[in-house]
Amino acid sequence: MAGFYMRGEALSWFKLMFHNQQLTNWFSFLRALELHFGPSSFENHQGELFKLRKLGSVSDYQSQFEKICNRTVGLSPNNILNCFIFGLHANIKGELAILKPTSISQAIGLAKLVESKLKDSRPKTSRFPTPTTKTTPTPPITSNSPSSSLPIHRLSPSQLQERRIAGLCYNCDEKFVPGHKCASPHFLLLLTEDLPTFPDTDLHESRT
């Protein structure tokens, strides 16, 4: 009948002992149960309890603490309370030092409240990255007026008159004829001082 009330690890142990005929009577069952699940004389459960530290949540720490504490004998309620508080994280331990719980159940409840408060006070990080602004460089301002690389040929009024008499082109040293094109084109800059007046017709086209 005892096996009917067992679950998990205890039921697996009971089946192993029963099928191997290790449980001959009630007293042998109680002795075997105590040896397997009770405190062992070869284990220092008090030392395990003192060394236990909170690594996960308070609930996980509570489960580990209670499991070891149930195998520990000889500790007063005050010692158990101090062991539980000592194994907590420093920030939770500091809060409990101010609240001063008087029992292990009160300390467990306060530790969970402090853990929840500290979790809510943490800065929440956004799942979306912070947008960054990109500065587009301003393109250099360019002048719309085309620049010419043609050389500038400067002629004084007297030089202009000499070329006209000699029948030379004003832009080059070749003879001017209708339809003439300069081999090396360049800009013609006329100096206006003492500039003689000519008919309004094109200078090149007026030559005969």
C-alpha atoms as a PDB file:
ATOM      1  CA  MET A   1       0.000   0.000   0.000  1.00  0.00           C
ATOM      2  CA  ALA A   2       2.919   2.378   0.673  1.00  0.00           C
ATOM      3  CA  GLY A   3       3.911   2.369  -3.006  1.00  0.00           C
ATOM      4  CA  PHE A   4       0.460   3.702  -3.948  1.00  0.00           C
ATOM      5  CA  TYR A   5       1.272   7.072  -2.333  1.00  0.00           C
ATOM      6  CA  MET A   6       4.736   7.433  -3.851  1.00  0.00           C
ATOM      7  CA  ARG A   7       5.637   9.534  -6.883  1.00  0.00           C
ATOM      8  CA  GLY A   8       8.717  10.281  -8.966  1.00  0.00           C
ATOM      9  CA  GLU A   9      12.061   9.344  -7.420  1.00  0.00           C
ATOM     10  CA  ALA A  10      10.447   7.717  -4.381  1.00  0.00           C
ATOM     11  CA  LEU A  11       8.295   5.429  -6.547  1.00  0.00           C
ATOM     12  CA  SER A  12      11.288   4.385  -8.679  1.00  0.00           C
ATOM     13  CA  TRP A  13      13.239   3.556  -5.527  1.00  0.00           C
ATOM     14  CA  PHE A  14      10.330   1.570  -4.064  1.00  0.00           C
ATOM     15  CA  LYS A  15       9.916  -0.552  -7.222  1.00  0.00           C
ATOM     16  CA  LEU A  16      13.644  -1.321  -7.279  1.00  0.00           C
ATOM     17  CA  MET A  17      13.676  -2.388  -3.634  1.00  0.00           C
ATOM     18  CA  PHE A  18      10.418  -4.345  -3.908  1.00  0.00           C
ATOM     19  CA  HIS A  19      11.357  -6.335  -7.017  1.00  0.00           C
ATOM     20  CA  ASN A  20      14.729  -7.217  -5.461  1.00  0.00           C
ATOM     21  CA  GLN A  21      12.963  -8.418  -2.290  1.00  0.00           C
ATOM     22  CA  GLN A  22      14.707  -5.869  -0.054  1.00  0.00           C
ATOM     23  CA  LEU A  23      11.480  -4.875   1.702  1.00  0.00           C
ATOM     24  CA  THR A  24      10.593  -7.972   3.704  1.00  0.00           C
ATOM     25  CA  ASN A  25       8.461  -6.242   6.344  1.00  0.00           C
ATOM     26  CA  TRP A  26       7.313  -2.833   7.511  1.00  0.00           C
ATOM     27  CA  PHE A  27      10.322  -2.192   9.712  1.00  0.00           C
ATOM     28  CA  SER A  28      12.771  -3.027   6.915  1.00  0.00           C
ATOM     29  CA  PHE A  29      10.851  -0.639   4.652  1.00  0.00           C
ATOM     30  CA  LEU A  30      11.096   2.203   7.191  1.00  0.00           C
ATOM     31  CA  ARG A  31      14.796   1.590   7.710  1.00  0.00           C
ATOM     32  CA  ALA A  32      15.541   1.513   3.996  1.00  0.00           C
ATOM     33  CA  LEU A  33      13.428   4.636   3.440  1.00  0.00           C
ATOM     34  CA  GLU A  34      15.316   6.503   6.164  1.00  0.00           C
ATOM     35  CA  LEU A  35      18.710   5.453   4.844  1.00  0.00           C
ATOM     36  CA  HIS A  36      17.907   6.499   1.274  1.00  0.00           C
ATOM     37  CA  PHE A  37      16.012   9.748   1.796  1.00  0.00           C
ATOM     38  CA  GLY A  38      17.034  10.751   5.305  1.00  0.00           C
ATOM     39  CA  PRO A  39      20.159  12.637   6.398  1.00  0.00           C
ATOM     40  CA  SER A  40      23.364  10.725   5.837  1.00  0.00           C
ATOM     41  CA  SER A  41      26.036  10.471   8.479  1.00  0.00           C
ATOM     42  CA  PHE A  42      28.624  10.886   5.707  1.00  0.00           C
ATOM     43  CA  GLU A  43      27.275  14.192   4.378  1.00  0.00           C
ATOM     44  CA  ASN A  44      27.606  17.599   5.992  1.00  0.00           C
ATOM     45  CA  HIS A  45      24.272  19.175   5.147  1.00  0.00           C
ATOM     46  CA  GLN A  46      24.893  22.103   7.483  1.00  0.00           C
ATOM     47  CA  GLY A  47      28.031  22.922   5.515  1.00  0.00           C
ATOM     48  CA  GLU A  48      26.064  22.749   2.251  1.00  0.00           C
ATOM     49  CA  LEU A  49      23.450  25.063   3.719  1.00  0.00           C
ATOM     50  CA  PHE A  50      26.059  27.602   4.815  1.00  0.00           C
ATOM     51  CA  LYS A  51      27.745  27.558   1.378  1.00  0.00           C
ATOM     52  CA  LEU A  52      24.525  27.815  -0.635  1.00  0.00           C
ATOM     53  CA  ARG A  53      24.291  31.023  -2.687  1.00  0.00           C
ATOM     54  CA  LYS A  54      21.527  32.491  -4.830  1.00  0.00           C
ATOM     55  CA  LEU A  55      22.468  32.094  -8.503  1.00  0.00           C
ATOM     56  CA  GLY A  56      19.067  32.320 -10.182  1.00  0.00           C
ATOM     57  CA  SER A  57      15.770  33.691  -8.944  1.00  0.00           C
ATOM     58  CA  VAL A  58      14.677  33.818  -5.305  1.00  0.00           C
ATOM     59  CA  SER A  59      12.230  30.973  -6.015  1.00  0.00           C
ATOM     60  CA  ASP A  60      15.049  28.746  -7.300  1.00  0.00           C
ATOM     61  CA  TYR A  61      17.185  29.613  -4.287  1.00  0.00           C
ATOM     62  CA  GLN A  62      14.264  28.880  -1.973  1.00  0.00           C
ATOM     63  CA  SER A  63      13.774  25.391  -3.476  1.00  0.00           C
ATOM     64  CA  GLN A  64      17.461  24.511  -3.075  1.00  0.00           C
ATOM     65  CA  PHE A  65      17.569  25.943   0.431  1.00  0.00           C
ATOM     66  CA  GLU A  66      14.512  24.010   1.613  1.00  0.00           C
ATOM     67  CA  LYS A  67      15.797  20.765   0.060  1.00  0.00           C
ATOM     68  CA  ILE A  68      19.075  20.964   1.981  1.00  0.00           C
ATOM     69  CA  CYS A  69      17.468  22.380   5.110  1.00  0.00           C
ATOM     70  CA  ASN A  70      15.111  19.384   5.348  1.00  0.00           C
ATOM     71  CA  ARG A  71      18.173  17.119   5.651  1.00  0.00           C
ATOM     72  CA  THR A  72      19.793  19.289   8.297  1.00  0.00           C
ATOM     73  CA  VAL A  73      19.187  18.722  12.006  1.00  0.00           C
ATOM     74  CA  GLY A  74      20.247  20.708  15.013  1.00  0.00           C
ATOM     75  CA  LEU A  75      19.872  24.233  13.616  1.00  0.00           C
ATOM     76  CA  SER A  76      17.708  26.745  15.437  1.00  0.00           C
ATOM     77  CA  PRO A  77      15.059  28.750  13.520  1.00  0.00           C
ATOM     78  CA  ASN A  78      17.211  31.856  13.945  1.00  0.00           C
ATOM     79  CA  ASN A  79      20.248  30.104  12.416  1.00  0.00           C
ATOM     80  CA  ILE A  80      18.146  28.895   9.483  1.00  0.00           C
ATOM     81  CA  LEU A  81      16.860  32.452   8.955  1.00  0.00           C
ATOM     82  CA  ASN A  82      20.391  33.877   8.988  1.00  0.00           C
ATOM     83  CA  CYS A  83      21.624  31.196   6.566  1.00  0.00           C
ATOM     84  CA  PHE A  84      18.857  32.040   4.106  1.00  0.00           C
ATOM     85  CA  ILE A  85      19.535  35.789   4.222  1.00  0.00           C
ATOM     86  CA  PHE A  86      23.303  35.306   3.996  1.00  0.00           C
ATOM     87  CA  GLY A  87      23.007  33.378   0.717  1.00  0.00           C
ATOM     88  CA  LEU A  88      21.022  36.097  -1.085  1.00  0.00           C
ATOM     89  CA  HIS A  89      22.451  38.664  -3.499  1.00  0.00           C
ATOM     90  CA  ALA A  90      24.017  41.689  -1.841  1.00  0.00           C
ATOM     91  CA  ASN A  91      21.311  44.104  -3.046  1.00  0.00           C
ATOM     92  CA  ILE A  92      18.489  41.893  -1.714  1.00  0.00           C
ATOM     93  CA  LYS A  93      20.413  41.131   1.464  1.00  0.00           C
ATOM     94  CA  GLY A  94      20.820  44.856   2.147  1.00  0.00           C
ATOM     95  CA  GLU A  95      17.075  45.459   1.815  1.00  0.00           C
ATOM     96  CA  LEU A  96      16.275  42.594   4.208  1.00  0.00           C
ATOM     97  CA  ALA A  97      18.749  43.987   6.737  1.00  0.00           C
ATOM     98  CA  ILE A  98      16.544  47.104   6.882  1.00  0.00           C
ATOM     99  CA  LEU A  99      13.227  45.200   6.918  1.00  0.00           C
ATOM    100  CA  LYS A 100      14.452  42.740   9.607  1.00  0.00           C
ATOM    101  CA  PRO A 101      12.259  39.654   8.989  1.00  0.00           C
ATOM    102  CA  THR A 102      11.696  37.494  12.080  1.00  0.00           C
ATOM    103  CA  SER A 103      10.979  34.127  10.406  1.00  0.00           C
ATOM    104  CA  ILE A 104      12.126  32.149   7.397  1.00  0.00           C
ATOM    105  CA  SER A 105       8.709  32.398   5.714  1.00  0.00           C
ATOM    106  CA  GLN A 106       8.692  36.175   6.183  1.00  0.00           C
ATOM    107  CA  ALA A 107      12.235  36.429   4.800  1.00  0.00           C
ATOM    108  CA  ILE A 108      11.278  34.422   1.695  1.00  0.00           C
ATOM    109  CA  GLY A 109       8.259  36.635   0.997  1.00  0.00           C
ATOM    110  CA  LEU A 110      10.214  39.870   1.478  1.00  0.00           C
ATOM    111  CA  ALA A 111      13.087  38.617  -0.690  1.00  0.00           C
ATOM    112  CA  LYS A 112      10.674  37.968  -3.563  1.00  0.00           C
ATOM    113  CA  LEU A 113       9.150  41.445  -3.187  1.00  0.00           C
ATOM    114  CA  VAL A 114      12.578  43.100  -3.191  1.00  0.00           C
ATOM    115  CA  GLU A 115      13.623  41.066  -6.242  1.00  0.00           C
ATOM    116  CA  SER A 116      10.514  42.210  -8.123  1.00  0.00           C
ATOM    117  CA  LYS A 117      11.122  45.839  -7.144  1.00  0.00           C
ATOM    118  CA  LEU A 118      14.735  45.757  -8.292  1.00  0.00           C
ATOM    119  CA  LYS A 119      13.739  44.144 -11.581  1.00  0.00           C
ATOM    120  CA  ASP A 120      11.179  46.893 -12.278  1.00  0.00           C
ATOM    121  CA  SER A 121      13.693  49.644 -11.479  1.00  0.00           C
ATOM    122  CA  ARG A 122      16.190  48.481 -14.083  1.00  0.00           C
ATOM    123  CA  PRO A 123      16.378  50.663 -17.213  1.00  0.00           C
ATOM    124  CA  LYS A 124      14.472  49.038 -20.024  1.00  0.00           C
ATOM    125  CA  THR A 125      16.341  48.699 -23.284  1.00  0.00           C
ATOM    126  CA  SER A 126      14.485  49.328 -26.508  1.00  0.00           C
ATOM    127  CA  ARG A 127      14.210  46.515 -29.016  1.00  0.00           C
ATOM    128  CA  PHE A 128      14.661  49.015 -31.827  1.00  0.00           C
ATOM    129  CA  PRO A 129      18.063  50.608 -32.496  1.00  0.00           C
ATOM    130  CA  THR A 130      18.450  54.327 -31.969  1.00  0.00           C
ATOM    131  CA  PRO A 131      18.154  56.055 -35.360  1.00  0.00           C
ATOM    132  CA  THR A 132      21.292  57.793 -36.462  1.00  0.00           C
ATOM    133  CA  THR A 133      21.256  60.904 -38.602  1.00  0.00           C
ATOM    134  CA  LYS A 134      23.516  60.967 -41.605  1.00  0.00           C
ATOM    135  CA  THR A 135      24.926  64.302 -42.694  1.00  0.00           C
ATOM    136  CA  THR A 136      24.898  64.668 -46.454  1.00  0.00           C
ATOM    137  CA  PRO A 137      27.918  66.675 -47.580  1.00  0.00           C
ATOM    138  CA  THR A 138      27.052  69.867 -49.423  1.00  0.00           C
ATOM    139  CA  PRO A 139      28.167  69.596 -53.043  1.00  0.00           C
ATOM    140  CA  PRO A 140      30.591  72.305 -54.148  1.00  0.00           C
ATOM    141  CA  ILE A 141      28.996  75.222 -55.951  1.00  0.00           C
ATOM    142  CA  THR A 142      30.099  75.337 -59.548  1.00  0.00           C
ATOM    143  CA  SER A 143      29.692  78.257 -61.880  1.00  0.00           C
ATOM    144  CA  ASN A 144      27.351  77.775 -64.819  1.00  0.00           C
ATOM    145  CA  SER A 145      29.475  79.963 -67.049  1.00  0.00           C
ATOM    146  CA  PRO A 146      31.803  77.800 -69.160  1.00  0.00           C
ATOM    147  CA  SER A 147      35.478  78.474 -68.851  1.00  0.00           C
ATOM    148  CA  SER A 148      37.553  78.509 -71.986  1.00  0.00           C
ATOM    149  CA  SER A 149      41.116  77.384 -72.332  1.00  0.00           C
ATOM    150  CA  LEU A 150      41.626  79.324 -75.569  1.00  0.00           C
ATOM    151  CA  PRO A 151      44.518  81.807 -75.499  1.00  0.00           C
ATOM    152  CA  ILE A 152      43.811  85.520 -75.632  1.00  0.00           C
ATOM    153  CA  HIS A 153      45.312  87.523 -78.498  1.00  0.00           C
ATOM    154  CA  ARG A 154      45.583  91.212 -77.593  1.00  0.00           C
ATOM    155  CA  LEU A 155      45.704  93.785 -80.424  1.00  0.00           C
ATOM    156  CA  SER A 156      46.229  97.490 -80.055  1.00  0.00           C
ATOM    157  CA  PRO A 157      44.468  99.854 -82.467  1.00  0.00           C
ATOM    158  CA  SER A 158      47.702 100.382 -84.407  1.00  0.00           C
ATOM    159  CA  GLN A 159      48.283  96.617 -84.761  1.00  0.00           C
ATOM    160  CA  LEU A 160      44.706  96.165 -85.857  1.00  0.00           C
ATOM    161  CA  GLN A 161      45.192  98.860 -88.534  1.00  0.00           C
ATOM    162  CA  GLU A 162      48.433  97.246 -89.753  1.00  0.00           C
ATOM    163  CA  ARG A 163      46.785  93.842 -90.137  1.00  0.00           C
ATOM    164  CA  ARG A 164      43.877  95.389 -91.992  1.00  0.00           C
ATOM    165  CA  ILE A 165      46.206  97.119 -94.460  1.00  0.00           C
ATOM    166  CA  ALA A 166      48.299  93.970 -94.924  1.00  0.00           C
ATOM    167  CA  GLY A 167      45.157  91.837 -95.405  1.00  0.00           C
ATOM    168  CA  LEU A 168      46.044  89.575 -92.485  1.00  0.00           C
ATOM    169  CA  CYS A 169      43.582  87.782 -90.264  1.00  0.00           C
ATOM    170  CA  TYR A 170      43.049  89.484 -86.949  1.00  0.00           C
ATOM    171  CA  ASN A 171      43.339  86.159 -85.071  1.00  0.00           C
ATOM    172  CA  CYS A 172      46.333  84.609 -86.818  1.00  0.00           C
ATOM    173  CA  ASP A 173      49.177  85.534 -89.136  1.00  0.00           C
ATOM    174  CA  GLU A 174      47.595  84.080 -92.288  1.00  0.00           C
ATOM    175  CA  LYS A 175      46.070  86.030 -95.174  1.00  0.00           C
ATOM    176  CA  PHE A 176      42.377  86.628 -94.767  1.00  0.00           C
ATOM    177  CA  VAL A 177      40.090  85.306 -97.491  1.00  0.00           C
ATOM    178  CA  PRO A 178      36.327  84.689 -97.402  1.00  0.00           C
ATOM    179  CA  GLY A 179      35.642  81.441 -95.524  1.00  0.00           C
ATOM    180  CA  HIS A 180      39.004  81.612 -93.723  1.00  0.00           C
ATOM    181  CA  LYS A 181      39.334  79.586 -90.485  1.00  0.00           C
ATOM    182  CA  CYS A 182      42.206  80.017 -88.065  1.00  0.00           C
ATOM    183  CA  ALA A 183      44.373  76.941 -87.498  1.00  0.00           C
ATOM    184  CA  SER A 184      44.820  77.815 -83.810  1.00  0.00           C
ATOM    185  CA  PRO A 185      41.702  79.630 -82.580  1.00  0.00           C
ATOM    186  CA  HIS A 186      41.958  82.080 -79.701  1.00  0.00           C
ATOM    187  CA  PHE A 187      40.079  85.003 -78.236  1.00  0.00           C
ATOM    188  CA  LEU A 188      40.693  88.422 -79.736  1.00  0.00           C
ATOM    189  CA  LEU A 189      40.977  91.246 -77.233  1.00  0.00           C
ATOM    190  CA  LEU A 190      40.831  94.714 -78.779  1.00  0.00           C
ATOM    191  CA  LEU A 191      42.274  97.590 -76.788  1.00  0.00           C
ATOM    192  CA  THR A 192      39.766 100.446 -77.230  1.00  0.00           C
ATOM    193  CA  GLU A 193      42.185 103.330 -76.857  1.00  0.00           C
ATOM    194  CA  ASP A 194      42.337 105.307 -80.167  1.00  0.00           C
ATOM    195  CA  LEU A 195      40.297 102.508 -81.778  1.00  0.00           C
ATOM    196  CA  PRO A 196      39.392 103.516 -85.370  1.00  0.00           C
ATOM    197  CA  THR A 197      35.819 103.236 -86.478  1.00  0.00           C
ATOM    198  CA  PHE A 198      34.827 100.624 -89.044  1.00  0.00           C
ATOM    199  CA  PRO A 199      31.615  99.966 -90.863  1.00  0.00           C
ATOM    200  CA  ASP A 200      29.003  97.939 -88.962  1.00  0.00           C
ATOM    201  CA  THR A 201      29.534  94.968 -91.255  1.00  0.00           C
ATOM    202  CA  ASP A 202      31.560  91.969 -90.011  1.00  0.00           C
ATOM    203  CA  LEU A 203      35.284  92.689 -90.330  1.00  0.00           C
ATOM    204  CA  HIS A 204      36.076  89.324 -91.859  1.00  0.00           C
ATOM    205  CA  GLU A 205      33.253  89.361 -94.335  1.00  0.00           C
ATOM    206  CA  SER A 206      33.952  93.000 -95.415  1.00  0.00           C
ATOM    207  CA  ARG A 207      37.342  92.105 -96.849  1.00  0.00           C
ATOM    208  CA  THR A 208      37.467  91.632-100.619  1.00  0.00           C
END
